[in-house]
Structure formats: C-alpha cells, structure tokens
Amino acid sequence: MRNTLKKFNNAPIFLFFATEPNEKLFALCDAFNDAYTTEIVQINWSQDEKTRASVRADADTTIQLSNQYVARIVENNSRIMEILEKGWHLVDTEDIEEFAQFQVDFTRFKTEVEGGLKTPFSIYEAVGGVSYMRPSMIGLVKKKARAKHDRLRELMRS
C-alpha cells in the first residue's frame, strides 16, 4: 500500500490548496467592489470639501483592503507556478493547455502589471485583459482534485 501511495500523483491536490482560496478571495473582492459601488460610487455626495475628503479616505481604504486580497491571490499564483514548473511531468496531457494558459496569464501579470509596462490602452484592448486566474482553471483543478481524492479513498479501502 505504501508504494502505491508514494506513486500517487498528488499534484492536483496541491494545486487545489492554492486555487480554492483564490476562488474565495475573488468572491470577497467582488463583494468589496459591489459594496464600494453601492456605498461610495452611486451616492450623490455633498461637494463640501470635508465630506469629499472623508469619502476619498473611505474609498482609498476600501481599495487598499481589496488590493491586499488580490496580493494574496498573486502569492497563491506564484506557488501554483512553482508546482507546475517542478511537477510539469505530473500534469495529465489533457490538462496541459489549461495550465499553459495559466502560465501565460501569470507571465503577463508579472510583466504588464507588476513590471509596470505601460502600453497604450488601445493595445490592451486589442490583446485583452490580464487574467489573475481563469474560472476554467479553478474548475479543472477542483474536478481533478476531487477525482484524485476519490481514487485515494478507494485505494485506502483496498
């Protein structure tokens, strides 16, 4: 049994522990964005300078908080890149395209967002936005992790 478990490919499970928090962090960021829109953007605030300064401070705080959650997503993505680079041989052939797309997206993020590369907006529009993690990646990893978990339980019963 131990030899079977040693040979068992746990890569999808390791990836799951980074993609699952990302999925929840995306939802949290969406909730903050919705609240920001409702509580700050859509309200017709007084033009009084004191009010404007207070609203600006609240907006900045909310944006900074949301950006901290995005930073955690980026950290998780760095771990995913490390897992993929070190364990590329463990990736199922039918999953290569999805994981390769993640690598391209992550490289674009590092280059265009963190790297500060500023191309004209029309170029960004033509190429398309930078994705932190596509829903298809989260879905694939979740599906594979569940299948591996079920298979492991099956092996443990044998």
N, C-alpha and C. Protein backbone atom coordinates (compact mmCIF):
# COMPACT_ATOMS: atom_id res chain seq x y z
N MET A 1 0.82 -1.20 0.00
CA MET A 1 0.00 0.00 0.00
C MET A 1 0.86 1.26 0.00
N ARG A 2 1.93 1.27 0.77
CA ARG A 2 2.79 2.46 0.83
C ARG A 2 3.38 2.79 -0.53
N ASN A 3 3.82 1.77 -1.27
CA ASN A 3 4.38 2.02 -2.60
C ASN A 3 3.33 2.63 -3.52
N THR A 4 2.10 2.16 -3.41
CA THR A 4 1.02 2.72 -4.22
C THR A 4 0.82 4.19 -3.89
N LEU A 5 0.81 4.53 -2.61
CA LEU A 5 0.61 5.92 -2.19
C LEU A 5 1.79 6.80 -2.58
N LYS A 6 3.02 6.24 -2.53
CA LYS A 6 4.19 7.02 -2.92
C LYS A 6 4.12 7.40 -4.40
N LYS A 7 3.58 6.50 -5.21
CA LYS A 7 3.49 6.74 -6.65
C LYS A 7 2.26 7.58 -7.02
N PHE A 8 1.38 7.79 -6.06
CA PHE A 8 0.13 8.51 -6.31
C PHE A 8 0.42 9.97 -6.64
N ASN A 9 -0.14 10.45 -7.71
CA ASN A 9 0.08 11.82 -8.17
C ASN A 9 -0.79 12.78 -7.36
N ASN A 10 -0.17 13.52 -6.45
CA ASN A 10 -0.90 14.47 -5.62
C ASN A 10 -0.89 15.89 -6.17
N ALA A 11 -0.33 16.10 -7.35
CA ALA A 11 -0.24 17.45 -7.91
C ALA A 11 -1.59 18.17 -7.94
N PRO A 12 -2.69 17.51 -8.39
CA PRO A 12 -3.97 18.22 -8.38
C PRO A 12 -4.41 18.66 -6.98
N ILE A 13 -4.09 17.87 -5.98
CA ILE A 13 -4.47 18.22 -4.61
C ILE A 13 -3.64 19.42 -4.14
N PHE A 14 -2.34 19.42 -4.45
CA PHE A 14 -1.50 20.57 -4.08
C PHE A 14 -2.00 21.84 -4.78
N LEU A 15 -2.35 21.72 -6.06
CA LEU A 15 -2.87 22.87 -6.80
C LEU A 15 -4.20 23.35 -6.21
N PHE A 16 -5.01 22.40 -5.77
CA PHE A 16 -6.31 22.74 -5.19
C PHE A 16 -6.16 23.64 -3.97
N PHE A 17 -5.12 23.40 -3.16
CA PHE A 17 -4.93 24.20 -1.95
C PHE A 17 -4.48 25.64 -2.26
N ALA A 18 -4.20 25.94 -3.50
CA ALA A 18 -3.92 27.33 -3.90
C ALA A 18 -5.08 27.91 -4.70
N THR A 19 -5.74 27.07 -5.53
CA THR A 19 -6.83 27.61 -6.34
C THR A 19 -8.11 27.81 -5.54
N GLU A 20 -8.36 26.96 -4.57
CA GLU A 20 -9.60 27.09 -3.78
C GLU A 20 -9.63 28.41 -2.99
N PRO A 21 -8.54 28.77 -2.28
CA PRO A 21 -8.55 30.09 -1.63
C PRO A 21 -8.70 31.22 -2.65
N ASN A 22 -8.09 31.07 -3.82
CA ASN A 22 -8.23 32.11 -4.85
C ASN A 22 -9.69 32.32 -5.22
N GLU A 23 -10.41 31.22 -5.40
CA GLU A 23 -11.82 31.33 -5.75
C GLU A 23 -12.58 32.12 -4.68
N LYS A 24 -12.30 31.84 -3.43
CA LYS A 24 -12.97 32.54 -2.33
C LYS A 24 -12.50 33.99 -2.22
N LEU A 25 -11.23 34.24 -2.49
CA LEU A 25 -10.72 35.61 -2.47
C LEU A 25 -11.31 36.44 -3.61
N PHE A 26 -11.50 35.82 -4.78
CA PHE A 26 -12.16 36.52 -5.89
C PHE A 26 -13.57 36.94 -5.47
N ALA A 27 -14.29 36.03 -4.81
CA ALA A 27 -15.65 36.34 -4.35
C ALA A 27 -15.62 37.47 -3.33
N LEU A 28 -14.64 37.45 -2.44
CA LEU A 28 -14.51 38.51 -1.44
C LEU A 28 -14.23 39.86 -2.11
N CYS A 29 -13.32 39.86 -3.07
CA CYS A 29 -13.02 41.10 -3.81
C CYS A 29 -14.25 41.61 -4.55
N ASP A 30 -15.02 40.69 -5.14
CA ASP A 30 -16.26 41.09 -5.81
C ASP A 30 -17.24 41.72 -4.82
N ALA A 31 -17.32 41.15 -3.62
CA ALA A 31 -18.22 41.69 -2.60
C ALA A 31 -17.78 43.10 -2.20
N PHE A 32 -16.48 43.30 -2.02
CA PHE A 32 -15.98 44.64 -1.70
C PHE A 32 -16.23 45.61 -2.85
N ASN A 33 -16.04 45.15 -4.07
CA ASN A 33 -16.29 46.00 -5.24
C ASN A 33 -17.76 46.41 -5.32
N ASP A 34 -18.65 45.44 -5.09
CA ASP A 34 -20.08 45.74 -5.11
C ASP A 34 -20.44 46.74 -4.00
N ALA A 35 -19.90 46.51 -2.80
CA ALA A 35 -20.17 47.42 -1.68
C ALA A 35 -19.61 48.81 -1.97
N TYR A 36 -18.42 48.86 -2.54
CA TYR A 36 -17.80 50.14 -2.91
C TYR A 36 -18.69 50.90 -3.88
N THR A 37 -19.18 50.19 -4.88
CA THR A 37 -20.06 50.81 -5.88
C THR A 37 -21.34 51.33 -5.23
N THR A 38 -21.95 50.50 -4.38
CA THR A 38 -23.21 50.88 -3.73
C THR A 38 -23.03 51.99 -2.71
N GLU A 39 -22.01 51.87 -1.88
CA GLU A 39 -21.85 52.77 -0.74
C GLU A 39 -21.05 54.04 -1.04
N ILE A 40 -20.29 54.03 -2.12
CA ILE A 40 -19.46 55.20 -2.41
C ILE A 40 -19.76 55.79 -3.79
N VAL A 41 -19.70 54.97 -4.82
CA VAL A 41 -19.81 55.48 -6.19
C VAL A 41 -21.22 55.98 -6.51
N GLN A 42 -22.24 55.22 -6.13
CA GLN A 42 -23.60 55.54 -6.55
C GLN A 42 -24.29 56.61 -5.70
N ILE A 43 -23.65 57.05 -4.66
CA ILE A 43 -24.26 58.07 -3.79
C ILE A 43 -23.86 59.46 -4.28
N ASN A 44 -24.83 60.33 -4.31
CA ASN A 44 -24.59 61.71 -4.72
C ASN A 44 -24.12 62.49 -3.49
N TRP A 45 -22.81 62.48 -3.28
CA TRP A 45 -22.23 63.09 -2.09
C TRP A 45 -22.23 64.61 -2.18
N SER A 46 -22.25 65.24 -1.04
CA SER A 46 -22.13 66.69 -0.95
C SER A 46 -20.78 67.11 -1.52
N GLN A 47 -20.74 68.27 -2.10
CA GLN A 47 -19.49 68.79 -2.66
C GLN A 47 -18.64 69.49 -1.59
N ASP A 48 -19.14 69.48 -0.38
CA ASP A 48 -18.39 70.05 0.75
C ASP A 48 -17.02 69.37 0.84
N GLU A 49 -15.97 70.15 0.99
CA GLU A 49 -14.60 69.62 0.99
C GLU A 49 -14.38 68.59 2.10
N LYS A 50 -14.95 68.82 3.26
CA LYS A 50 -14.80 67.88 4.39
C LYS A 50 -15.45 66.53 4.05
N THR A 51 -16.62 66.58 3.45
CA THR A 51 -17.31 65.35 3.04
C THR A 51 -16.51 64.64 1.96
N ARG A 52 -16.05 65.40 0.98
CA ARG A 52 -15.27 64.80 -0.12
C ARG A 52 -14.00 64.14 0.40
N ALA A 53 -13.33 64.77 1.35
CA ALA A 53 -12.11 64.20 1.92
C ALA A 53 -12.42 62.90 2.66
N SER A 54 -13.52 62.89 3.38
CA SER A 54 -13.92 61.69 4.13
C SER A 54 -14.27 60.54 3.17
N VAL A 55 -15.02 60.85 2.12
CA VAL A 55 -15.39 59.83 1.13
C VAL A 55 -14.15 59.31 0.42
N ARG A 56 -13.24 60.22 0.06
CA ARG A 56 -12.00 59.82 -0.60
C ARG A 56 -11.19 58.88 0.30
N ALA A 57 -11.12 59.20 1.59
CA ALA A 57 -10.39 58.35 2.54
C ALA A 57 -11.04 56.97 2.65
N ASP A 58 -12.37 56.94 2.72
CA ASP A 58 -13.08 55.66 2.78
C ASP A 58 -12.85 54.85 1.50
N ALA A 59 -12.88 55.53 0.37
CA ALA A 59 -12.66 54.85 -0.91
C ALA A 59 -11.24 54.29 -0.97
N ASP A 60 -10.26 55.09 -0.58
CA ASP A 60 -8.87 54.63 -0.60
C ASP A 60 -8.67 53.43 0.31
N THR A 61 -9.25 53.47 1.51
CA THR A 61 -9.13 52.36 2.46
C THR A 61 -9.73 51.09 1.88
N THR A 62 -10.89 51.21 1.26
CA THR A 62 -11.57 50.05 0.67
C THR A 62 -10.75 49.47 -0.47
N ILE A 63 -10.22 50.32 -1.32
CA ILE A 63 -9.40 49.87 -2.45
C ILE A 63 -8.13 49.19 -1.95
N GLN A 64 -7.49 49.78 -0.95
CA GLN A 64 -6.26 49.19 -0.40
C GLN A 64 -6.54 47.82 0.21
N LEU A 65 -7.65 47.68 0.91
CA LEU A 65 -8.00 46.39 1.50
C LEU A 65 -8.22 45.34 0.42
N SER A 66 -8.99 45.70 -0.59
CA SER A 66 -9.23 44.78 -1.70
C SER A 66 -7.92 44.41 -2.40
N ASN A 67 -7.03 45.37 -2.56
CA ASN A 67 -5.73 45.11 -3.18
C ASN A 67 -4.89 44.14 -2.35
N GLN A 68 -5.05 44.15 -1.03
CA GLN A 68 -4.34 43.19 -0.18
C GLN A 68 -4.82 41.77 -0.46
N TYR A 69 -6.12 41.61 -0.71
CA TYR A 69 -6.64 40.29 -1.05
C TYR A 69 -6.14 39.85 -2.42
N VAL A 70 -6.06 40.78 -3.34
CA VAL A 70 -5.51 40.46 -4.66
C VAL A 70 -4.04 40.06 -4.54
N ALA A 71 -3.31 40.72 -3.65
CA ALA A 71 -1.90 40.37 -3.44
C ALA A 71 -1.78 38.92 -2.96
N ARG A 72 -2.73 38.49 -2.14
CA ARG A 72 -2.72 37.09 -1.68
C ARG A 72 -2.98 36.15 -2.86
N ILE A 73 -3.86 36.53 -3.75
CA ILE A 73 -4.11 35.73 -4.96
C ILE A 73 -2.82 35.59 -5.76
N VAL A 74 -2.08 36.68 -5.89
CA VAL A 74 -0.82 36.66 -6.63
C VAL A 74 0.18 35.73 -5.94
N GLU A 75 0.24 35.76 -4.61
CA GLU A 75 1.12 34.84 -3.87
C GLU A 75 0.73 33.39 -4.16
N ASN A 76 -0.56 33.11 -4.11
CA ASN A 76 -1.03 31.76 -4.42
C ASN A 76 -0.65 31.37 -5.85
N ASN A 77 -0.78 32.31 -6.78
CA ASN A 77 -0.42 32.03 -8.16
C ASN A 77 1.07 31.73 -8.31
N SER A 78 1.89 32.40 -7.51
CA SER A 78 3.34 32.11 -7.53
C SER A 78 3.59 30.67 -7.08
N ARG A 79 2.86 30.23 -6.06
CA ARG A 79 3.00 28.84 -5.61
C ARG A 79 2.53 27.86 -6.68
N ILE A 80 1.46 28.21 -7.36
CA ILE A 80 0.97 27.35 -8.44
C ILE A 80 2.01 27.25 -9.54
N MET A 81 2.63 28.36 -9.90
CA MET A 81 3.68 28.34 -10.92
C MET A 81 4.82 27.42 -10.49
N GLU A 82 5.18 27.51 -9.23
CA GLU A 82 6.26 26.67 -8.71
C GLU A 82 5.88 25.19 -8.80
N ILE A 83 4.65 24.86 -8.43
CA ILE A 83 4.18 23.47 -8.51
C ILE A 83 4.21 23.00 -9.96
N LEU A 84 3.73 23.83 -10.87
CA LEU A 84 3.70 23.44 -12.28
C LEU A 84 5.10 23.29 -12.86
N GLU A 85 5.99 24.21 -12.51
CA GLU A 85 7.35 24.13 -13.05
C GLU A 85 8.11 22.93 -12.51
N LYS A 86 7.92 22.62 -11.23
CA LYS A 86 8.63 21.49 -10.64
C LYS A 86 7.96 20.15 -10.95
N GLY A 87 6.66 20.19 -11.20
CA GLY A 87 5.93 18.94 -11.40
C GLY A 87 5.24 18.84 -12.74
N TRP A 88 5.80 19.51 -13.75
CA TRP A 88 5.19 19.51 -15.07
C TRP A 88 4.98 18.09 -15.58
N HIS A 89 5.88 17.19 -15.22
CA HIS A 89 5.78 15.80 -15.67
C HIS A 89 4.57 15.08 -15.04
N LEU A 90 3.98 15.66 -14.01
CA LEU A 90 2.83 15.05 -13.34
C LEU A 90 1.49 15.51 -13.93
N VAL A 91 1.54 16.47 -14.84
CA VAL A 91 0.32 17.03 -15.41
C VAL A 91 -0.24 16.06 -16.45
N ASP A 92 -1.54 15.79 -16.35
CA ASP A 92 -2.20 14.95 -17.34
C ASP A 92 -2.18 15.68 -18.69
N THR A 93 -1.96 14.93 -19.76
CA THR A 93 -1.81 15.55 -21.07
C THR A 93 -3.03 16.38 -21.47
N GLU A 94 -4.22 15.95 -21.07
CA GLU A 94 -5.42 16.71 -21.45
C GLU A 94 -5.52 18.05 -20.70
N ASP A 95 -4.68 18.26 -19.68
CA ASP A 95 -4.71 19.49 -18.89
C ASP A 95 -3.61 20.48 -19.26
N ILE A 96 -2.72 20.07 -20.15
CA ILE A 96 -1.56 20.91 -20.48
C ILE A 96 -1.99 22.28 -21.00
N GLU A 97 -2.98 22.31 -21.88
CA GLU A 97 -3.40 23.59 -22.48
C GLU A 97 -3.88 24.58 -21.40
N GLU A 98 -4.68 24.10 -20.46
CA GLU A 98 -5.19 24.99 -19.40
C GLU A 98 -4.05 25.51 -18.53
N PHE A 99 -3.13 24.62 -18.15
CA PHE A 99 -2.02 25.04 -17.29
C PHE A 99 -1.04 25.94 -18.05
N ALA A 100 -0.87 25.68 -19.34
CA ALA A 100 -0.02 26.56 -20.15
C ALA A 100 -0.63 27.96 -20.24
N GLN A 101 -1.95 28.03 -20.37
CA GLN A 101 -2.63 29.33 -20.41
C GLN A 101 -2.44 30.06 -19.08
N PHE A 102 -2.51 29.33 -17.97
CA PHE A 102 -2.27 29.95 -16.66
C PHE A 102 -0.86 30.54 -16.62
N GLN A 103 0.12 29.79 -17.14
CA GLN A 103 1.49 30.29 -17.14
C GLN A 103 1.62 31.56 -17.98
N VAL A 104 0.95 31.60 -19.11
CA VAL A 104 0.97 32.80 -19.95
C VAL A 104 0.31 33.97 -19.20
N ASP A 105 -0.84 33.70 -18.58
CA ASP A 105 -1.54 34.75 -17.83
C ASP A 105 -0.67 35.28 -16.69
N PHE A 106 -0.01 34.38 -15.98
CA PHE A 106 0.83 34.79 -14.86
C PHE A 106 2.03 35.60 -15.35
N THR A 107 2.61 35.17 -16.47
CA THR A 107 3.73 35.90 -17.06
C THR A 107 3.28 37.30 -17.49
N ARG A 108 2.11 37.38 -18.09
CA ARG A 108 1.58 38.70 -18.46
C ARG A 108 1.38 39.57 -17.23
N PHE A 109 0.86 38.98 -16.16
CA PHE A 109 0.65 39.76 -14.93
C PHE A 109 1.99 40.29 -14.43
N LYS A 110 2.98 39.42 -14.33
CA LYS A 110 4.29 39.84 -13.82
C LYS A 110 4.90 40.92 -14.71
N THR A 111 4.71 40.81 -16.00
CA THR A 111 5.30 41.75 -16.95
C THR A 111 4.51 43.05 -17.06
N GLU A 112 3.21 42.94 -17.26
CA GLU A 112 2.39 44.11 -17.57
C GLU A 112 1.84 44.83 -16.34
N VAL A 113 1.62 44.10 -15.27
CA VAL A 113 1.06 44.73 -14.08
C VAL A 113 2.15 45.03 -13.07
N GLU A 114 2.83 44.00 -12.60
CA GLU A 114 3.90 44.23 -11.61
C GLU A 114 5.10 44.92 -12.23
N GLY A 115 5.39 44.57 -13.47
CA GLY A 115 6.55 45.14 -14.14
C GLY A 115 6.36 46.59 -14.57
N GLY A 116 5.13 47.05 -14.53
CA GLY A 116 4.87 48.44 -14.85
C GLY A 116 4.93 48.77 -16.33
N LEU A 117 4.89 47.76 -17.18
CA LEU A 117 4.89 48.01 -18.62
C LEU A 117 3.60 48.72 -18.99
N LYS A 118 3.73 49.84 -19.60
CA LYS A 118 2.55 50.64 -19.96
C LYS A 118 2.45 50.75 -21.48
N THR A 119 1.57 49.98 -22.04
CA THR A 119 1.31 50.13 -23.47
C THR A 119 0.07 50.99 -23.63
N PRO A 120 -0.16 51.53 -24.79
CA PRO A 120 -1.38 52.31 -24.99
C PRO A 120 -2.62 51.47 -24.68
N PHE A 121 -3.65 52.14 -24.18
CA PHE A 121 -4.88 51.45 -23.81
C PHE A 121 -5.45 50.66 -24.98
N SER A 122 -5.34 51.20 -26.18
CA SER A 122 -5.87 50.51 -27.35
C SER A 122 -5.18 49.16 -27.57
N ILE A 123 -3.90 49.07 -27.20
CA ILE A 123 -3.17 47.80 -27.31
C ILE A 123 -3.72 46.80 -26.29
N TYR A 124 -3.91 47.26 -25.05
CA TYR A 124 -4.52 46.39 -24.03
C TYR A 124 -5.89 45.89 -24.49
N GLU A 125 -6.67 46.79 -25.06
CA GLU A 125 -8.00 46.42 -25.55
C GLU A 125 -7.89 45.35 -26.64
N ALA A 126 -6.95 45.52 -27.55
CA ALA A 126 -6.79 44.59 -28.66
C ALA A 126 -6.29 43.22 -28.19
N VAL A 127 -5.35 43.22 -27.24
CA VAL A 127 -4.77 41.97 -26.75
C VAL A 127 -5.73 41.28 -25.78
N GLY A 128 -6.42 42.06 -24.98
CA GLY A 128 -7.32 41.51 -23.96
C GLY A 128 -6.72 41.71 -22.58
N GLY A 129 -7.59 41.74 -21.59
CA GLY A 129 -7.16 41.99 -20.22
C GLY A 129 -6.28 40.89 -19.66
N VAL A 130 -5.59 41.22 -18.59
CA VAL A 130 -4.74 40.27 -17.88
C VAL A 130 -5.62 39.51 -16.89
N SER A 131 -5.56 38.20 -16.93
CA SER A 131 -6.36 37.37 -16.03
C SER A 131 -5.50 36.91 -14.86
N TYR A 132 -6.03 37.05 -13.66
CA TYR A 132 -5.33 36.52 -12.48
C TYR A 132 -5.45 35.00 -12.45
N MET A 133 -6.63 34.50 -12.70
CA MET A 133 -6.86 33.07 -12.79
C MET A 133 -8.22 32.86 -13.43
N ARG A 134 -8.24 32.11 -14.49
CA ARG A 134 -9.48 31.88 -15.22
C ARG A 134 -10.38 30.91 -14.45
N PRO A 135 -11.68 31.11 -14.49
CA PRO A 135 -12.60 30.17 -13.84
C PRO A 135 -12.42 28.74 -14.34
N SER A 136 -12.05 28.59 -15.61
CA SER A 136 -11.83 27.24 -16.15
C SER A 136 -10.67 26.54 -15.45
N MET A 137 -9.66 27.28 -15.04
CA MET A 137 -8.52 26.71 -14.29
C MET A 137 -9.00 26.24 -12.93
N ILE A 138 -9.76 27.07 -12.24
CA ILE A 138 -10.28 26.70 -10.92
C ILE A 138 -11.15 25.45 -11.05
N GLY A 139 -12.02 25.43 -12.05
CA GLY A 139 -12.90 24.28 -12.26
C GLY A 139 -12.13 23.01 -12.56
N LEU A 140 -11.12 23.11 -13.41
CA LEU A 140 -10.31 21.94 -13.76
C LEU A 140 -9.60 21.38 -12.54
N VAL A 141 -8.96 22.25 -11.77
CA VAL A 141 -8.21 21.79 -10.59
C VAL A 141 -9.17 21.17 -9.58
N LYS A 142 -10.32 21.78 -9.39
CA LYS A 142 -11.31 21.25 -8.45
C LYS A 142 -11.76 19.85 -8.89
N LYS A 143 -12.07 19.70 -10.18
CA LYS A 143 -12.50 18.41 -10.72
C LYS A 143 -11.41 17.34 -10.55
N LYS A 144 -10.18 17.71 -10.89
CA LYS A 144 -9.07 16.75 -10.79
C LYS A 144 -8.77 16.39 -9.33
N ALA A 145 -8.82 17.38 -8.44
CA ALA A 145 -8.55 17.12 -7.02
C ALA A 145 -9.60 16.18 -6.44
N ARG A 146 -10.86 16.41 -6.80
CA ARG A 146 -11.92 15.51 -6.31
C ARG A 146 -11.72 14.10 -6.84
N ALA A 147 -11.38 13.98 -8.11
CA ALA A 147 -11.15 12.65 -8.69
C ALA A 147 -9.98 11.95 -8.01
N LYS A 148 -8.90 12.69 -7.75
CA LYS A 148 -7.73 12.09 -7.07
C LYS A 148 -8.09 11.72 -5.64
N HIS A 149 -8.85 12.57 -4.97
CA HIS A 149 -9.27 12.29 -3.60
C HIS A 149 -10.14 11.03 -3.56
N ASP A 150 -11.08 10.93 -4.48
CA ASP A 150 -11.93 9.74 -4.54
C ASP A 150 -11.11 8.49 -4.83
N ARG A 151 -10.15 8.61 -5.73
CA ARG A 151 -9.28 7.46 -6.06
C ARG A 151 -8.44 7.06 -4.86
N LEU A 152 -7.93 8.02 -4.13
CA LEU A 152 -7.14 7.74 -2.93
C LEU A 152 -7.98 7.03 -1.88
N ARG A 153 -9.20 7.47 -1.69
CA ARG A 153 -10.09 6.80 -0.73
C ARG A 153 -10.35 5.36 -1.16
N GLU A 154 -10.52 5.18 -2.45
CA GLU A 154 -10.74 3.84 -3.00
C GLU A 154 -9.52 2.95 -2.73
N LEU A 155 -8.33 3.49 -2.94
CA LEU A 155 -7.10 2.73 -2.69
C LEU A 155 -6.93 2.40 -1.21
N MET A 156 -7.34 3.32 -0.36
CA MET A 156 -7.21 3.11 1.09
C MET A 156 -8.13 1.99 1.56
N ARG A 157 -9.26 1.82 0.90
CA ARG A 157 -10.20 0.76 1.26
C ARG A 157 -9.70 -0.61 0.83
N SER A 158 -8.87 -0.65 -0.20
CA SER A 158 -8.39 -1.93 -0.74
C SER A 158 -7.39 -2.58 0.19
